[in-house]
Amino acid sequence: MKMLLPIAAFALMGVACSGETAPATPAPVPVAEAPAPEPAPMAAKDIVDTAVGAGQFTTLVAAVQAAGLVETLKGAGPFTVFAPTDAAFAALPAGTVEDLLKPENKAKLTSILTYHVLPAEVMSSAIGTQSMDAATVEGKTVKVDGSTAGKVMVNDATVVTADIDASNGVIHVIDKVLMPPM
């Protein structure tokens, strides 16, 4: 039946264009068809996949894998991740990253990484020009300060890129690795 409708419409269009009158035939009964489903919108990548795709967080991703936090950061969230770049990790004292990635230092690495994560989505617009202490997943707080014009600080790190959206939260790129107070 689907083929008849386009053929009938084409035939009627040909007659209408030629100036002739179409013969009196009963109009085809339209067949009720379900509308084609709209394609599902592409979901944004989760925090881990967004970090992998960015290309500037290879050390952070390796650390997340070594700490066993991949599934957590792929979870529902929402999370806010203050993500140090590869350059930020490279600025640590020589051997620090290699030492932290050792299996025997997993607890320390996990503590450092979870200190970079808030258990809620906090966009830069929510910070504005105020200063606040924010509780991290690790259990301690970070000081988030937007009071300096055009700059947001997290402890002593500067947010260099804010509001990278992910399906389960947001990433703010920072220029230093945050160390939890002991």
Protein backbone atom coordinates (compact mmCIF):
# COMPACT_ATOMS: atom_id res chain seq x y z
CA MET A 1 0.00 0.00 0.00
CA LYS A 2 2.91 2.32 0.70
CA MET A 3 4.01 2.11 -2.95
CA LEU A 4 0.54 3.02 -4.25
CA LEU A 5 0.42 6.41 -2.57
CA PRO A 6 3.59 7.82 -4.19
CA ILE A 7 2.65 6.36 -7.60
CA ALA A 8 -0.89 7.78 -7.39
CA ALA A 9 0.47 11.17 -6.32
CA PHE A 10 2.97 11.14 -9.20
CA ALA A 11 0.25 10.25 -11.69
CA LEU A 12 -2.03 13.02 -10.42
CA MET A 13 0.85 15.50 -10.52
CA GLY A 14 1.57 14.55 -14.16
CA VAL A 15 -2.02 15.11 -15.12
CA ALA A 16 -2.21 18.39 -13.23
CA CYS A 17 0.91 19.67 -14.93
CA SER A 18 -0.32 18.76 -18.41
CA GLY A 19 -3.45 20.88 -18.03
CA GLU A 20 -5.75 17.89 -18.47
CA THR A 21 -8.46 17.02 -16.05
CA ALA A 22 -7.86 14.00 -13.93
CA PRO A 23 -10.41 11.23 -14.28
CA ALA A 24 -12.85 10.93 -11.46
CA THR A 25 -11.48 8.13 -9.36
CA PRO A 26 -11.99 7.65 -5.70
CA ALA A 27 -9.21 9.13 -3.63
CA PRO A 28 -7.00 6.55 -1.99
CA VAL A 29 -7.72 6.05 1.66
CA PRO A 30 -4.71 7.25 3.65
CA VAL A 31 -3.12 4.57 5.73
CA ALA A 32 -2.39 5.61 9.27
CA GLU A 33 1.27 5.00 9.92
CA ALA A 34 3.12 5.50 13.14
CA PRO A 35 5.42 8.48 12.87
CA ALA A 36 9.03 7.56 12.45
CA PRO A 37 10.79 7.75 15.79
CA GLU A 38 13.11 10.68 16.16
CA PRO A 39 16.72 9.69 16.65
CA ALA A 40 17.76 9.85 20.27
CA PRO A 41 19.98 12.84 21.00
CA MET A 42 23.62 12.01 21.43
CA ALA A 43 24.31 11.92 25.13
CA ALA A 44 27.37 13.81 26.26
CA LYS A 45 30.25 11.60 27.28
CA ASP A 46 30.75 10.88 30.96
CA ILE A 47 33.58 12.50 32.91
CA VAL A 48 36.13 9.77 32.14
CA ASP A 49 35.37 9.62 28.42
CA THR A 50 35.36 13.42 28.21
CA ALA A 51 38.79 13.54 29.87
CA VAL A 52 40.14 10.85 27.56
CA GLY A 53 38.80 12.68 24.51
CA ALA A 54 40.33 16.00 25.54
CA GLY A 55 43.86 14.64 25.16
CA GLN A 56 45.38 16.81 27.89
CA PHE A 57 44.57 14.52 30.82
CA THR A 58 46.52 11.33 30.06
CA THR A 59 48.25 11.37 33.46
CA LEU A 60 44.98 12.05 35.27
CA VAL A 61 43.25 9.21 33.41
CA ALA A 62 46.15 6.84 34.20
CA ALA A 63 45.89 7.84 37.87
CA VAL A 64 42.10 7.32 37.89
CA GLN A 65 42.66 3.85 36.42
CA ALA A 66 45.41 3.01 38.93
CA ALA A 67 43.19 4.12 41.82
CA GLY A 68 40.25 2.03 40.58
CA LEU A 69 38.00 5.08 40.21
CA VAL A 70 36.97 4.67 36.57
CA GLU A 71 33.58 3.09 37.28
CA THR A 72 32.87 5.65 40.01
CA LEU A 73 33.53 8.58 37.68
CA LYS A 74 31.48 6.90 34.96
CA GLY A 75 28.61 6.59 37.47
CA ALA A 76 25.47 8.68 37.68
CA GLY A 77 27.03 11.57 39.59
CA PRO A 78 26.64 14.42 39.36
CA PHE A 79 30.26 15.36 39.93
CA THR A 80 32.45 18.41 39.59
CA VAL A 81 36.03 17.46 38.77
CA PHE A 82 38.89 19.92 39.09
CA ALA A 83 41.09 18.25 36.48
CA PRO A 84 44.84 18.92 36.49
CA THR A 85 46.42 18.89 33.05
CA ASP A 86 49.37 16.73 32.09
CA ALA A 87 51.54 19.85 32.53
CA ALA A 88 50.25 20.21 36.10
CA PHE A 89 51.29 16.64 36.90
CA ALA A 90 54.65 17.20 35.20
CA ALA A 91 55.28 20.17 37.53
CA LEU A 92 55.24 17.89 40.59
CA PRO A 93 58.64 16.92 41.99
CA ALA A 94 60.45 14.31 39.90
CA GLY A 95 59.25 10.76 40.58
CA THR A 96 56.06 11.81 42.38
CA VAL A 97 53.63 10.58 39.74
CA GLU A 98 55.49 7.32 39.19
CA ASP A 99 55.52 6.73 42.96
CA LEU A 100 51.79 7.47 43.31
CA LEU A 101 50.94 5.04 40.50
CA LYS A 102 52.50 2.10 42.35
CA PRO A 103 49.94 -0.39 43.72
CA GLU A 104 51.21 0.04 47.28
CA ASN A 105 50.30 3.76 47.11
CA LYS A 106 46.73 3.26 45.88
CA ALA A 107 45.16 4.67 49.08
CA LYS A 108 47.23 7.86 48.90
CA LEU A 109 46.49 8.26 45.17
CA THR A 110 42.78 7.73 45.80
CA SER A 111 42.84 10.39 48.52
CA ILE A 112 44.52 12.89 46.20
CA LEU A 113 42.17 12.19 43.29
CA THR A 114 38.97 12.31 45.35
CA TYR A 115 40.16 15.65 46.75
CA HIS A 116 39.68 16.95 43.19
CA VAL A 117 36.01 15.89 43.08
CA LEU A 118 32.87 17.51 44.47
CA PRO A 119 29.77 15.30 44.90
CA ALA A 120 27.58 17.78 42.97
CA GLU A 121 27.67 19.67 39.69
CA VAL A 122 28.93 23.22 40.24
CA MET A 123 29.06 25.40 37.15
CA SER A 124 31.26 28.48 37.13
CA SER A 125 28.16 30.69 37.01
CA ALA A 126 27.21 29.36 40.47
CA ILE A 127 30.53 30.62 41.84
CA GLY A 128 30.38 34.07 40.30
CA THR A 129 32.49 36.51 42.27
CA GLN A 130 32.11 34.84 45.64
CA SER A 131 34.38 32.65 47.71
CA MET A 132 33.28 29.37 49.27
CA ASP A 133 34.53 26.25 50.93
CA ALA A 134 33.35 23.16 49.08
CA ALA A 135 33.32 19.64 50.53
CA THR A 136 35.16 17.12 48.37
CA VAL A 137 34.45 13.41 47.93
CA GLU A 138 37.70 12.83 49.86
CA GLY A 139 36.09 14.45 52.93
CA LYS A 140 38.05 17.68 53.24
CA THR A 141 37.18 21.04 51.73
CA VAL A 142 38.70 23.09 48.94
CA LYS A 143 38.49 26.86 48.80
CA VAL A 144 36.87 28.01 45.57
CA ASP A 145 37.40 31.73 45.03
CA GLY A 146 35.92 33.73 42.18
CA SER A 147 36.47 37.11 43.83
CA THR A 148 39.48 38.01 41.65
CA ALA A 149 38.21 39.59 38.45
CA GLY A 150 38.28 37.15 35.54
CA LYS A 151 39.87 34.32 37.53
CA VAL A 152 38.65 31.41 39.64
CA MET A 153 41.03 29.76 42.07
CA VAL A 154 40.71 26.34 43.72
CA ASN A 155 43.08 26.49 46.68
CA ASP A 156 46.29 27.65 44.90
CA ALA A 157 45.34 26.31 41.44
CA THR A 158 43.84 28.48 38.72
CA VAL A 159 40.87 27.32 36.67
CA VAL A 160 42.15 27.68 33.10
CA THR A 161 39.04 26.29 31.39
CA ALA A 162 35.66 26.10 33.09
CA ASP A 163 32.43 24.26 32.44
CA ILE A 164 33.39 21.32 30.23
CA ASP A 165 30.07 19.52 30.22
CA ALA A 166 29.80 15.77 30.72
CA SER A 167 26.74 13.54 31.00
CA ASN A 168 27.33 13.05 34.72
CA GLY A 169 28.77 16.40 35.75
CA VAL A 170 31.26 19.06 34.81
CA ILE A 171 35.04 19.39 34.49
CA HIS A 172 36.99 22.52 35.36
CA VAL A 173 40.58 22.37 34.10
CA ILE A 174 43.18 23.51 36.65
CA ASP A 175 46.88 24.26 36.34
CA LYS A 176 48.09 22.48 39.52
CA VAL A 177 47.55 19.20 41.29
CA LEU A 178 45.66 19.74 44.55
CA MET A 179 47.07 18.04 47.62
CA PRO A 180 44.71 17.36 50.53
CA PRO A 181 45.79 18.78 53.86
CA MET A 182 47.31 16.13 56.12
